C-alpha atoms as a PDB file:
ATOM      1  CA  MET A   1      -2.353  39.865  64.449  1.00  0.00           C
ATOM      2  CA  THR A   2       0.661  42.029  64.778  1.00  0.00           C
ATOM      3  CA  GLN A   3       2.588  38.995  66.079  1.00  0.00           C
ATOM      4  CA  LEU A   4       1.606  37.009  62.972  1.00  0.00           C
ATOM      5  CA  LEU A   5       2.660  39.760  60.531  1.00  0.00           C
ATOM      6  CA  ASP A   6       5.942  40.252  62.400  1.00  0.00           C
ATOM      7  CA  TRP A   7       6.603  36.500  62.078  1.00  0.00           C
ATOM      8  CA  TYR A   8       5.661  36.540  58.485  1.00  0.00           C
ATOM      9  CA  ASP A   9       8.027  39.383  57.641  1.00  0.00           C
ATOM     10  CA  GLN A  10      10.843  37.309  59.104  1.00  0.00           C
ATOM     11  CA  HIS A  11       9.930  33.856  58.039  1.00  0.00           C
ATOM     12  CA  LYS A  12       7.899  33.898  54.847  1.00  0.00           C
ATOM     13  CA  ARG A  13       8.576  31.372  52.154  1.00  0.00           C
ATOM     14  CA  ASP A  14      10.387  32.439  49.013  1.00  0.00           C
ATOM     15  CA  LEU A  15       7.922  31.286  46.376  1.00  0.00           C
ATOM     16  CA  PRO A  16       8.141  32.422  42.792  1.00  0.00           C
ATOM     17  CA  TRP A  17       4.540  33.778  42.723  1.00  0.00           C
ATOM     18  CA  ARG A  18       5.433  36.172  45.501  1.00  0.00           C
ATOM     19  CA  ARG A  19       8.145  37.966  43.531  1.00  0.00           C
ATOM     20  CA  GLY A  20       7.618  41.181  41.566  1.00  0.00           C
ATOM     21  CA  GLU A  21       4.460  43.241  41.238  1.00  0.00           C
ATOM     22  CA  VAL A  22       1.169  41.832  42.348  1.00  0.00           C
ATOM     23  CA  ASP A  23      -1.096  40.994  39.401  1.00  0.00           C
ATOM     24  CA  PRO A  24      -4.614  39.665  40.055  1.00  0.00           C
ATOM     25  CA  TRP A  25      -4.426  37.460  37.033  1.00  0.00           C
ATOM     26  CA  HIS A  26      -1.226  35.875  38.269  1.00  0.00           C
ATOM     27  CA  VAL A  27      -2.894  35.291  41.649  1.00  0.00           C
ATOM     28  CA  LEU A  28      -5.862  33.610  40.063  1.00  0.00           C
ATOM     29  CA  LEU A  29      -3.633  31.510  37.856  1.00  0.00           C
ATOM     30  CA  THR A  30      -1.411  30.593  40.806  1.00  0.00           C
ATOM     31  CA  GLU A  31      -4.352  29.709  43.220  1.00  0.00           C
ATOM     32  CA  THR A  32      -5.947  27.616  40.473  1.00  0.00           C
ATOM     33  CA  LEU A  33      -2.747  25.700  40.052  1.00  0.00           C
ATOM     34  CA  LEU A  34      -2.449  25.132  43.773  1.00  0.00           C
ATOM     35  CA  GLN A  35      -6.007  23.887  44.227  1.00  0.00           C
ATOM     36  CA  GLN A  36      -5.840  20.282  45.604  1.00  0.00           C
ATOM     37  CA  THR A  37      -2.175  20.189  44.626  1.00  0.00           C
ATOM     38  CA  THR A  38       1.021  20.547  46.737  1.00  0.00           C
ATOM     39  CA  VAL A  39       3.396  23.589  46.326  1.00  0.00           C
ATOM     40  CA  ALA A  40       6.171  21.113  45.389  1.00  0.00           C
ATOM     41  CA  THR A  41       4.052  19.770  42.529  1.00  0.00           C
ATOM     42  CA  VAL A  42       3.231  23.309  41.185  1.00  0.00           C
ATOM     43  CA  LEU A  43       6.648  24.740  41.308  1.00  0.00           C
ATOM     44  CA  PRO A  44       8.038  23.274  37.988  1.00  0.00           C
ATOM     45  CA  HIS A  45       4.676  24.110  36.222  1.00  0.00           C
ATOM     46  CA  HIS A  46       4.160  27.686  37.309  1.00  0.00           C
ATOM     47  CA  PRO A  47       6.935  29.360  35.263  1.00  0.00           C
ATOM     48  CA  ARG A  48       5.744  27.691  32.073  1.00  0.00           C
ATOM     49  CA  PHE A  49       2.193  28.843  32.619  1.00  0.00           C
ATOM     50  CA  LEU A  50       3.226  32.381  33.568  1.00  0.00           C
ATOM     51  CA  GLU A  51       5.408  32.568  30.438  1.00  0.00           C
ATOM     52  CA  ARG A  52       2.704  31.153  28.071  1.00  0.00           C
ATOM     53  CA  PHE A  53      -0.263  32.957  29.639  1.00  0.00           C
ATOM     54  CA  PRO A  54       1.054  36.234  31.165  1.00  0.00           C
ATOM     55  CA  THR A  55      -2.426  37.753  30.842  1.00  0.00           C
ATOM     56  CA  ALA A  56      -5.978  36.529  30.943  1.00  0.00           C
ATOM     57  CA  ALA A  57      -6.241  37.564  27.257  1.00  0.00           C
ATOM     58  CA  ALA A  58      -3.370  35.267  26.322  1.00  0.00           C
ATOM     59  CA  MET A  59      -5.135  32.297  27.933  1.00  0.00           C
ATOM     60  CA  ALA A  60      -8.511  33.352  26.403  1.00  0.00           C
ATOM     61  CA  ALA A  61      -6.955  33.430  22.899  1.00  0.00           C
ATOM     62  CA  ALA A  62      -5.580  29.946  23.263  1.00  0.00           C
ATOM     63  CA  GLY A  63      -7.594  26.800  22.601  1.00  0.00           C
ATOM     64  CA  GLU A  64      -8.794  24.786  25.554  1.00  0.00           C
ATOM     65  CA  GLU A  65      -6.842  21.843  24.125  1.00  0.00           C
ATOM     66  CA  GLU A  66      -3.624  23.612  24.641  1.00  0.00           C
ATOM     67  CA  VAL A  67      -4.490  24.579  28.229  1.00  0.00           C
ATOM     68  CA  LEU A  68      -5.332  20.951  28.869  1.00  0.00           C
ATOM     69  CA  ARG A  69      -2.146  19.735  27.404  1.00  0.00           C
ATOM     70  CA  MET A  70      -0.134  22.166  29.548  1.00  0.00           C
ATOM     71  CA  TRP A  71      -2.069  20.946  32.589  1.00  0.00           C
ATOM     72  CA  ALA A  72      -0.913  17.334  32.138  1.00  0.00           C
ATOM     73  CA  GLY A  73       0.557  16.030  35.541  1.00  0.00           C
ATOM     74  CA  LEU A  74      -1.373  18.427  37.746  1.00  0.00           C
ATOM     75  CA  GLY A  75      -4.578  16.399  37.959  1.00  0.00           C
ATOM     76  CA  TYR A  76      -8.192  17.628  38.478  1.00  0.00           C
ATOM     77  CA  TYR A  77      -8.385  18.725  34.884  1.00  0.00           C
ATOM     78  CA  ALA A  78     -11.715  20.449  35.291  1.00  0.00           C
ATOM     79  CA  ARG A  79      -9.746  23.271  36.950  1.00  0.00           C
ATOM     80  CA  ALA A  80      -8.021  23.942  33.573  1.00  0.00           C
ATOM     81  CA  ARG A  81     -11.227  24.147  31.680  1.00  0.00           C
ATOM     82  CA  ARG A  82     -12.774  26.429  34.340  1.00  0.00           C
ATOM     83  CA  LEU A  83      -9.653  28.756  34.341  1.00  0.00           C
ATOM     84  CA  HIS A  84      -9.785  28.922  30.661  1.00  0.00           C
ATOM     85  CA  ALA A  85     -13.447  29.899  30.761  1.00  0.00           C
ATOM     86  CA  ALA A  86     -12.752  32.506  33.501  1.00  0.00           C
ATOM     87  CA  ALA A  87      -9.961  34.013  31.348  1.00  0.00           C
ATOM     88  CA  GLN A  88     -12.404  34.443  28.492  1.00  0.00           C
ATOM     89  CA  VAL A  89     -14.865  36.209  30.722  1.00  0.00           C
ATOM     90  CA  ILE A  90     -12.032  38.537  32.094  1.00  0.00           C
ATOM     91  CA  ALA A  91     -10.690  39.188  28.573  1.00  0.00           C
ATOM     92  CA  ALA A  92     -14.251  40.156  27.482  1.00  0.00           C
ATOM     93  CA  ARG A  93     -15.490  42.160  30.404  1.00  0.00           C
ATOM     94  CA  GLY A  94     -12.539  43.068  32.554  1.00  0.00           C
ATOM     95  CA  PHE A  95     -11.268  41.702  35.851  1.00  0.00           C
ATOM     96  CA  PRO A  96     -13.829  42.054  38.584  1.00  0.00           C
ATOM     97  CA  ALA A  97     -12.317  43.761  41.752  1.00  0.00           C
ATOM     98  CA  ASP A  98     -14.863  42.813  44.383  1.00  0.00           C
ATOM     99  CA  ILE A  99     -15.646  39.473  45.984  1.00  0.00           C
ATOM    100  CA  ASP A 100     -19.062  39.005  44.478  1.00  0.00           C
ATOM    101  CA  GLY A 101     -17.691  39.784  41.048  1.00  0.00           C
ATOM    102  CA  LEU A 102     -14.863  37.275  41.531  1.00  0.00           C
ATOM    103  CA  ARG A 103     -17.295  34.564  42.785  1.00  0.00           C
ATOM    104  CA  ALA A 104     -19.269  34.976  39.514  1.00  0.00           C
ATOM    105  CA  LEU A 105     -16.218  33.857  37.513  1.00  0.00           C
ATOM    106  CA  PRO A 106     -16.315  30.317  36.183  1.00  0.00           C
ATOM    107  CA  GLY A 107     -14.835  27.900  38.721  1.00  0.00           C
ATOM    108  CA  VAL A 108     -14.112  30.545  41.295  1.00  0.00           C
ATOM    109  CA  GLY A 109     -15.499  29.590  44.717  1.00  0.00           C
ATOM    110  CA  ALA A 110     -15.367  31.217  48.159  1.00  0.00           C
ATOM    111  CA  TYR A 111     -11.658  30.377  48.798  1.00  0.00           C
ATOM    112  CA  THR A 112     -10.292  31.488  45.539  1.00  0.00           C
ATOM    113  CA  ALA A 113     -12.329  34.653  45.389  1.00  0.00           C
ATOM    114  CA  ALA A 114     -11.026  35.578  48.908  1.00  0.00           C
ATOM    115  CA  ALA A 115      -7.443  34.822  47.947  1.00  0.00           C
ATOM    116  CA  VAL A 116      -7.576  36.845  44.766  1.00  0.00           C
ATOM    117  CA  GLY A 117      -9.367  39.618  46.558  1.00  0.00           C
ATOM    118  CA  ALA A 118      -7.003  39.745  49.432  1.00  0.00           C
ATOM    119  CA  ILE A 119      -3.712  39.254  47.572  1.00  0.00           C
ATOM    120  CA  GLY A 120      -4.572  40.700  44.172  1.00  0.00           C
ATOM    121  CA  PHE A 121      -6.780  43.614  45.164  1.00  0.00           C
ATOM    122  CA  GLY A 122      -6.142  44.252  48.883  1.00  0.00           C
ATOM    123  CA  LEU A 123      -9.619  43.370  49.965  1.00  0.00           C
ATOM    124  CA  PRO A 124     -10.328  42.556  53.613  1.00  0.00           C
ATOM    125  CA  ALA A 125     -11.006  38.895  53.020  1.00  0.00           C
ATOM    126  CA  VAL A 126      -9.451  35.781  54.692  1.00  0.00           C
ATOM    127  CA  PRO A 127      -9.133  32.794  52.372  1.00  0.00           C
ATOM    128  CA  VAL A 128      -9.676  29.423  54.157  1.00  0.00           C
ATOM    129  CA  ASP A 129      -7.733  26.609  52.622  1.00  0.00           C
ATOM    130  CA  GLY A 130      -6.680  23.426  54.387  1.00  0.00           C
ATOM    131  CA  ASN A 131      -3.802  25.169  56.162  1.00  0.00           C
ATOM    132  CA  VAL A 132      -5.910  28.023  57.339  1.00  0.00           C
ATOM    133  CA  GLU A 133      -8.607  25.697  58.313  1.00  0.00           C
ATOM    134  CA  ARG A 134      -6.201  23.747  60.666  1.00  0.00           C
ATOM    135  CA  VAL A 135      -4.801  26.978  62.164  1.00  0.00           C
ATOM    136  CA  MET A 136      -8.280  28.366  62.979  1.00  0.00           C
ATOM    137  CA  ALA A 137      -9.537  24.985  64.329  1.00  0.00           C
ATOM    138  CA  ARG A 138      -6.626  25.069  66.769  1.00  0.00           C
ATOM    139  CA  VAL A 139      -6.426  28.636  67.682  1.00  0.00           C
ATOM    140  CA  ALA A 140     -10.185  28.827  68.332  1.00  0.00           C
ATOM    141  CA  ARG A 141     -10.387  25.304  69.788  1.00  0.00           C
ATOM    142  CA  ILE A 142     -13.149  24.260  67.411  1.00  0.00           C
ATOM    143  CA  GLU A 143     -13.791  20.587  68.174  1.00  0.00           C
ATOM    144  CA  ILE A 144     -16.943  20.146  65.964  1.00  0.00           C
ATOM    145  CA  PRO A 145     -15.988  17.431  63.393  1.00  0.00           C
ATOM    146  CA  LEU A 146     -15.424  18.351  59.780  1.00  0.00           C
ATOM    147  CA  PRO A 147     -17.140  18.987  57.452  1.00  0.00           C
ATOM    148  CA  ARG A 148     -19.837  20.218  59.980  1.00  0.00           C
ATOM    149  CA  GLY A 149     -17.237  22.396  61.772  1.00  0.00           C
ATOM    150  CA  LYS A 150     -16.349  24.403  58.654  1.00  0.00           C
ATOM    151  CA  ALA A 151     -18.934  27.122  59.416  1.00  0.00           C
ATOM    152  CA  ALA A 152     -17.411  27.754  62.891  1.00  0.00           C
ATOM    153  CA  ILE A 153     -13.922  27.727  61.289  1.00  0.00           C
ATOM    154  CA  ARG A 154     -14.952  30.261  58.632  1.00  0.00           C
ATOM    155  CA  ALA A 155     -16.450  32.476  61.335  1.00  0.00           C
ATOM    156  CA  ALA A 156     -13.280  32.368  63.281  1.00  0.00           C
ATOM    157  CA  ALA A 157     -11.287  33.382  60.145  1.00  0.00           C
ATOM    158  CA  ALA A 158     -13.745  36.135  59.531  1.00  0.00           C
ATOM    159  CA  ARG A 159     -13.103  37.566  63.038  1.00  0.00           C
ATOM    160  CA  ILE A 160      -9.361  37.569  62.345  1.00  0.00           C
ATOM    161  CA  GLY A 161     -10.021  39.560  59.071  1.00  0.00           C
ATOM    162  CA  GLN A 162     -11.966  42.191  60.995  1.00  0.00           C
ATOM    163  CA  GLN A 163      -8.953  43.272  62.957  1.00  0.00           C
ATOM    164  CA  GLU A 164      -7.360  46.658  62.069  1.00  0.00           C
ATOM    165  CA  ALA A 165      -3.945  45.138  61.279  1.00  0.00           C
ATOM    166  CA  ALA A 166      -5.685  42.741  58.846  1.00  0.00           C
ATOM    167  CA  HIS A 167      -7.436  45.547  57.104  1.00  0.00           C
ATOM    168  CA  ALA A 168      -4.101  47.244  56.598  1.00  0.00           C
ATOM    169  CA  ARG A 169      -2.284  44.275  55.068  1.00  0.00           C
ATOM    170  CA  PRO A 170      -4.987  41.716  53.911  1.00  0.00           C
ATOM    171  CA  GLY A 171      -2.762  39.992  51.294  1.00  0.00           C
ATOM    172  CA  ASP A 172       0.089  39.542  53.783  1.00  0.00           C
ATOM    173  CA  VAL A 173      -2.350  38.201  56.454  1.00  0.00           C
ATOM    174  CA  ALA A 174      -3.647  35.594  54.027  1.00  0.00           C
ATOM    175  CA  GLN A 175      -0.182  34.446  53.002  1.00  0.00           C
ATOM    176  CA  ALA A 176       1.007  34.529  56.611  1.00  0.00           C
ATOM    177  CA  LEU A 177      -1.808  32.110  57.593  1.00  0.00           C
ATOM    178  CA  PHE A 178      -0.884  29.884  54.562  1.00  0.00           C
ATOM    179  CA  ASP A 179       2.777  29.830  55.715  1.00  0.00           C
ATOM    180  CA  LEU A 180       1.926  29.308  59.382  1.00  0.00           C
ATOM    181  CA  GLY A 181      -0.108  26.252  58.584  1.00  0.00           C
ATOM    182  CA  ALA A 182       2.428  24.863  56.058  1.00  0.00           C
ATOM    183  CA  THR A 183       5.537  25.230  58.217  1.00  0.00           C
ATOM    184  CA  VAL A 184       4.632  25.594  61.914  1.00  0.00           C
ATOM    185  CA  CYS A 185       0.974  24.525  62.549  1.00  0.00           C
ATOM    186  CA  THR A 186       1.513  21.294  60.574  1.00  0.00           C
ATOM    187  CA  PRO A 187      -0.838  18.384  60.531  1.00  0.00           C
ATOM    188  CA  VAL A 188       1.518  16.154  62.449  1.00  0.00           C
ATOM    189  CA  SER A 189       3.882  17.350  65.236  1.00  0.00           C
ATOM    190  CA  PRO A 190       3.041  21.041  65.085  1.00  0.00           C
ATOM    191  CA  ARG A 191       5.895  23.254  66.186  1.00  0.00           C
ATOM    192  CA  CYS A 192       4.002  25.164  68.874  1.00  0.00           C
ATOM    193  CA  PRO A 193       7.149  26.760  70.592  1.00  0.00           C
ATOM    194  CA  ALA A 194       7.841  28.549  67.243  1.00  0.00           C
ATOM    195  CA  CYS A 195       4.277  29.838  66.793  1.00  0.00           C
ATOM    196  CA  PRO A 196       3.721  33.556  66.947  1.00  0.00           C
ATOM    197  CA  TRP A 197       0.174  32.767  68.393  1.00  0.00           C
ATOM    198  CA  ARG A 198       1.217  30.075  70.853  1.00  0.00           C
ATOM    199  CA  ASP A 199       0.108  32.203  73.888  1.00  0.00           C
ATOM    200  CA  GLY A 200      -3.365  32.868  72.646  1.00  0.00           C
ATOM    201  CA  CYS A 201      -3.982  29.466  71.048  1.00  0.00           C
ATOM    202  CA  ALA A 202      -6.944  27.919  72.875  1.00  0.00           C
ATOM    203  CA  GLY A 203      -6.345  24.483  71.373  1.00  0.00           C
ATOM    204  CA  ARG A 204      -2.679  24.222  71.950  1.00  0.00           C
ATOM    205  CA  ASP A 205      -2.972  21.378  74.383  1.00  0.00           C
ATOM    206  CA  ILE A 206      -4.893  19.211  71.905  1.00  0.00           C
ATOM    207  CA  ALA A 207      -3.444  20.631  68.717  1.00  0.00           C
ATOM    208  CA  GLN A 208      -2.471  17.285  67.142  1.00  0.00           C
ATOM    209  CA  ARG A 209      -6.120  16.098  67.151  1.00  0.00           C
ATOM    210  CA  LEU A 210      -7.537  19.325  65.737  1.00  0.00           C
ATOM    211  CA  PRO A 211      -9.342  19.700  63.330  1.00  0.00           C
ATOM    212  CA  VAL A 212     -11.553  16.719  64.249  1.00  0.00           C
ATOM    213  CA  ARG A 213     -12.566  14.803  61.093  1.00  0.00           C
ATOM    214  CA  ALA A 214     -15.455  12.493  60.578  1.00  0.00           C
ATOM    215  CA  PRO A 215     -14.362   8.986  59.415  1.00  0.00           C
ATOM    216  CA  LYS A 216     -13.666   8.724  55.765  1.00  0.00           C
ATOM    217  CA  LYS A 217     -15.715   6.556  53.602  1.00  0.00           C
ATOM    218  CA  PRO A 218     -13.592   3.837  51.830  1.00  0.00           C
ATOM    219  CA  ARG A 219     -12.708   4.740  48.307  1.00  0.00           C
ATOM    220  CA  ALA A 220     -14.513   3.056  45.414  1.00  0.00           C
ATOM    221  CA  ARG A 221     -12.664   0.582  43.313  1.00  0.00           C
ATOM    222  CA  TRP A 222     -12.956   0.804  39.574  1.00  0.00           C
ATOM    223  CA  PHE A 223     -11.657  -1.487  36.816  1.00  0.00           C
ATOM    224  CA  GLY A 224     -10.842  -0.757  33.157  1.00  0.00           C
ATOM    225  CA  VAL A 225      -8.937  -2.140  30.248  1.00  0.00           C
ATOM    226  CA  HIS A 226      -6.873   0.040  27.821  1.00  0.00           C
ATOM    227  CA  PHE A 227      -5.396  -0.802  24.533  1.00  0.00           C
ATOM    228  CA  LEU A 228      -2.066   0.289  23.172  1.00  0.00           C
ATOM    229  CA  LEU A 229      -2.272  -0.092  19.456  1.00  0.00           C
ATOM    230  CA  GLU A 230       0.769   0.667  17.211  1.00  0.00           C
ATOM    231  CA  ASP A 231       1.135   0.779  13.422  1.00  0.00           C
ATOM    232  CA  ALA A 232       4.066  -0.120  11.228  1.00  0.00           C
ATOM    233  CA  ALA A 233       5.326   3.366  11.531  1.00  0.00           C
ATOM    234  CA  GLY A 234       5.649   3.286  15.168  1.00  0.00           C
ATOM    235  CA  ARG A 235       2.673   5.404  15.914  1.00  0.00           C
ATOM    236  CA  VAL A 236       0.250   4.878  18.785  1.00  0.00           C
ATOM    237  CA  LEU A 237      -3.442   5.429  18.648  1.00  0.00           C
ATOM    238  CA  LEU A 238      -4.859   8.077  21.129  1.00  0.00           C
ATOM    239  CA  ARG A 239      -8.399   9.305  21.615  1.00  0.00           C
ATOM    240  CA  ARG A 240     -10.080  12.124  23.507  1.00  0.00           C
ATOM    241  CA  ARG A 241     -12.095  11.321  26.596  1.00  0.00           C
ATOM    242  CA  PRO A 242     -15.692  12.785  26.771  1.00  0.00           C
ATOM    243  CA  ARG A 243     -15.689  16.325  27.929  1.00  0.00           C
ATOM    244  CA  GLU A 244     -17.770  15.561  30.955  1.00  0.00           C
ATOM    245  CA  GLY A 245     -16.598  13.160  33.751  1.00  0.00           C
ATOM    246  CA  VAL A 246     -13.230  12.152  35.076  1.00  0.00           C
ATOM    247  CA  LEU A 247     -10.273  13.500  33.055  1.00  0.00           C
ATOM    248  CA  GLY A 248     -12.854  15.091  30.758  1.00  0.00           C
ATOM    249  CA  GLY A 249     -11.482  16.193  27.335  1.00  0.00           C
ATOM    250  CA  MET A 250      -7.996  14.627  28.008  1.00  0.00           C
ATOM    251  CA  MET A 251      -6.132  12.304  25.624  1.00  0.00           C
ATOM    252  CA  GLU A 252      -6.032   8.591  26.526  1.00  0.00           C
ATOM    253  CA  LEU A 253      -5.255   5.175  25.105  1.00  0.00           C
ATOM    254  CA  PRO A 254      -8.533   3.663  23.751  1.00  0.00           C
ATOM    255  CA  GLY A 255     -10.251   1.584  26.440  1.00  0.00           C
ATOM    256  CA  THR A 256     -13.309   0.449  28.200  1.00  0.00           C
ATOM    257  CA  SER A 257     -15.224   2.509  30.669  1.00  0.00           C
ATOM    258  CA  TRP A 258     -14.216   2.451  34.337  1.00  0.00           C
ATOM    259  CA  ARG A 259     -16.675   0.357  36.382  1.00  0.00           C
ATOM    260  CA  PRO A 260     -16.986  -1.331  39.792  1.00  0.00           C
ATOM    261  CA  ALA A 261     -16.984  -4.846  38.216  1.00  0.00           C
ATOM    262  CA  GLU A 262     -13.886  -6.512  36.667  1.00  0.00           C
ATOM    263  CA  TRP A 263     -13.964  -6.876  32.873  1.00  0.00           C
ATOM    264  CA  THR A 264     -13.822 -10.324  31.414  1.00  0.00           C
ATOM    265  CA  PRO A 265     -11.359 -10.768  28.431  1.00  0.00           C
ATOM    266  CA  GLU A 266     -14.318 -11.321  26.139  1.00  0.00           C
ATOM    267  CA  GLU A 267     -16.056  -8.086  27.241  1.00  0.00           C
ATOM    268  CA  ALA A 268     -12.934  -6.062  26.971  1.00  0.00           C
ATOM    269  CA  LEU A 269     -11.848  -7.357  23.593  1.00  0.00           C
ATOM    270  CA  ALA A 270     -15.229  -6.591  22.102  1.00  0.00           C
ATOM    271  CA  LEU A 271     -14.396  -2.870  22.763  1.00  0.00           C
ATOM    272  CA  ALA A 272     -10.847  -3.029  21.352  1.00  0.00           C
ATOM    273  CA  PRO A 273     -10.137  -0.355  18.708  1.00  0.00           C
ATOM    274  CA  ALA A 274      -9.118  -2.882  16.067  1.00  0.00           C
ATOM    275  CA  LYS A 275      -9.146  -6.670  15.455  1.00  0.00           C
ATOM    276  CA  ALA A 276      -5.621  -7.711  16.217  1.00  0.00           C
ATOM    277  CA  VAL A 277      -3.642 -10.199  18.317  1.00  0.00           C
ATOM    278  CA  TRP A 278      -3.944  -8.522  21.649  1.00  0.00           C
ATOM    279  CA  ARG A 279      -1.714  -9.540  24.568  1.00  0.00           C
ATOM    280  CA  PRO A 280      -1.819  -8.331  28.164  1.00  0.00           C
ATOM    281  CA  ILE A 281       1.450  -6.599  29.255  1.00  0.00           C
ATOM    282  CA  GLY A 282       0.570  -5.816  32.873  1.00  0.00           C
ATOM    283  CA  THR A 283      -1.686  -4.263  35.440  1.00  0.00           C
ATOM    284  CA  LEU A 284      -1.344  -0.956  37.107  1.00  0.00           C
ATOM    285  CA  TRP A 285      -3.203   1.091  39.833  1.00  0.00           C
ATOM    286  CA  HIS A 286      -3.917   4.777  39.956  1.00  0.00           C
ATOM    287  CA  GLY A 287      -5.597   6.589  42.860  1.00  0.00           C
ATOM    288  CA  PHE A 288      -8.168   9.432  42.500  1.00  0.00           C
ATOM    289  CA  THR A 289      -9.522  11.373  45.303  1.00  0.00           C
ATOM    290  CA  HIS A 290     -12.767   9.273  45.404  1.00  0.00           C
ATOM    291  CA  ALA A 291     -11.691   5.967  43.816  1.00  0.00           C
ATOM    292  CA  GLU A 292      -8.817   3.612  43.085  1.00  0.00           C
ATOM    293  CA  LEU A 293      -8.567   2.464  39.533  1.00  0.00           C
ATOM    294  CA  GLU A 294      -7.135  -0.845  38.410  1.00  0.00           C
ATOM    295  CA  ILE A 295      -6.129  -0.983  34.598  1.00  0.00           C
ATOM    296  CA  THR A 296      -5.212  -3.946  32.581  1.00  0.00           C
ATOM    297  CA  LEU A 297      -3.108  -2.944  29.584  1.00  0.00           C
ATOM    298  CA  MET A 298      -3.374  -4.683  26.345  1.00  0.00           C
ATOM    299  CA  ARG A 299      -0.924  -4.242  23.326  1.00  0.00           C
ATOM    300  CA  ALA A 300      -1.136  -5.079  19.674  1.00  0.00           C
ATOM    301  CA  ALA A 301       0.577  -4.127  16.403  1.00  0.00           C
ATOM    302  CA  VAL A 302      -1.020  -3.678  12.913  1.00  0.00           C
ATOM    303  CA  ALA A 303       0.201  -2.546   9.713  1.00  0.00           C
ATOM    304  CA  ARG A 304      -2.313   0.297   9.383  1.00  0.00           C
ATOM    305  CA  ILE A 305      -4.631   1.919  11.861  1.00  0.00           C
ATOM    306  CA  SER A 306      -8.037   2.948  10.595  1.00  0.00           C
ATOM    307  CA  ALA A 307      -9.866   3.441  13.989  1.00  0.00           C
ATOM    308  CA  PRO A 308     -10.740   6.994  14.751  1.00  0.00           C
ATOM    309  CA  GLY A 309      -8.402   9.017  16.888  1.00  0.00           C
ATOM    310  CA  GLU A 310      -5.002  10.668  16.781  1.00  0.00           C
ATOM    311  CA  LEU A 311      -1.798   8.817  15.769  1.00  0.00           C
ATOM    312  CA  VAL A 312       1.266   9.902  17.877  1.00  0.00           C
ATOM    313  CA  PRO A 313       4.798   8.617  17.431  1.00  0.00           C
ATOM    314  CA  ALA A 314       5.713   6.474  20.344  1.00  0.00           C
ATOM    315  CA  ALA A 315       8.748   8.674  20.955  1.00  0.00           C
ATOM    316  CA  ARG A 316       6.437  11.641  21.535  1.00  0.00           C
ATOM    317  CA  LEU A 317       3.924  10.050  23.926  1.00  0.00           C
ATOM    318  CA  GLY A 318       5.646  11.802  26.867  1.00  0.00           C
ATOM    319  CA  GLN A 319       4.994  15.141  25.241  1.00  0.00           C
ATOM    320  CA  ALA A 320       1.430  14.388  24.140  1.00  0.00           C
ATOM    321  CA  GLY A 321      -0.286  15.950  27.238  1.00  0.00           C
ATOM    322  CA  LEU A 322      -1.432  12.647  28.602  1.00  0.00           C
ATOM    323  CA  PRO A 323      -2.838  12.712  32.207  1.00  0.00           C
ATOM    324  CA  SER A 324      -0.849  10.781  34.852  1.00  0.00           C
ATOM    325  CA  VAL A 325      -2.712   7.593  34.637  1.00  0.00           C
ATOM    326  CA  MET A 326      -2.225   7.297  30.878  1.00  0.00           C
ATOM    327  CA  LEU A 327       1.505   8.168  31.325  1.00  0.00           C
ATOM    328  CA  LYS A 328       1.663   5.195  33.709  1.00  0.00           C
ATOM    329  CA  CYS A 329       0.250   3.011  30.957  1.00  0.00           C
ATOM    330  CA  VAL A 330       2.765   4.074  28.237  1.00  0.00           C
ATOM    331  CA  ARG A 331       5.631   3.784  30.711  1.00  0.00           C
ATOM    332  CA  LEU A 332       4.430   0.280  31.618  1.00  0.00           C
ATOM    333  CA  ALA A 333       4.872  -0.425  27.915  1.00  0.00           C
ATOM    334  CA  GLY A 334       8.338   1.177  27.873  1.00  0.00           C
ATOM    335  CA  LEU A 335       7.330   3.901  25.534  1.00  0.00           C
ATOM    336  CA  ALA A 336       7.917   7.100  27.637  1.00  0.00           C
ATOM    337  CA  GLU A 337      10.541   8.204  30.018  1.00  0.00           C
ATOM    338  CA  GLY A 338       9.986   7.897  33.734  1.00  0.00           C
ATOM    339  CA  PRO A 339       9.627   4.915  36.077  1.00  0.00           C
ATOM    340  CA  ALA A 340       7.096   2.220  35.363  1.00  0.00           C
ATOM    341  CA  PRO A 341       4.304   2.112  37.933  1.00  0.00           C
END
């Protein structure tokens, strides 16, 4: 453990959320932003969130709609709703300072509770994310395929956390493991000669094939049709998706549901938000974790829009908090900055 901490002291990444005083709320906010998202994606969003929501009370006082709008582009929008709910609990009852209390917060699982506990409160816990999972599988030579092997990996991480040096610097141990996995013990071509644990790594000779993963199931394929309807004032109709389900509560162009079967033109047009001369302007694809979505985009113009929803000037669609898949749609129509899909 001493070797790992010495290495971290010399090589730790300079990340904005590691600067200044440690604040448990900032740790929770950062860890939620980073869930299932790369550091590079989070970097431009982090300062905006920290400025707007410097405390849990600030987020609790904001509407969920504002939080979702700011979350646009980060994906997995249920995280935003859960973070908002957690902020309300913290603002009302105070910030829990133990692992069980952290686990009781909305949306906080074992990993996030351990990360906030270790980094925010100095508790002896080892958070196991994808990077730490890979490091532990290699160091302990755990060849049980994932996800079955996760229990053995968590047990190996817990043994690391029981060491005296880990108890003295739990937050640094957690972040050292993150950095080791991100920069040295990488998924492809791990830099074993640069690893502070190279001499004691039981899986060094087979590192590139650890952790072993069970074959992935092919992603489902969905189909949908969305409608871009403009009025004479150059405004576009948006609606809010149902709260539950994929992209729950986010704004979108009106459209069909997403289903495994392709939509016929007759089926789709029966669900259009208005009777108009609709013309197809293209097809785009968007990948979710569990499915690939193919969208056909239809466009029409009318003098006045009477369908329910929100009318947004076309020039402001890029700032309307649309999720990435809807931004692809409006970019395909040439109505927002950025490359077309």
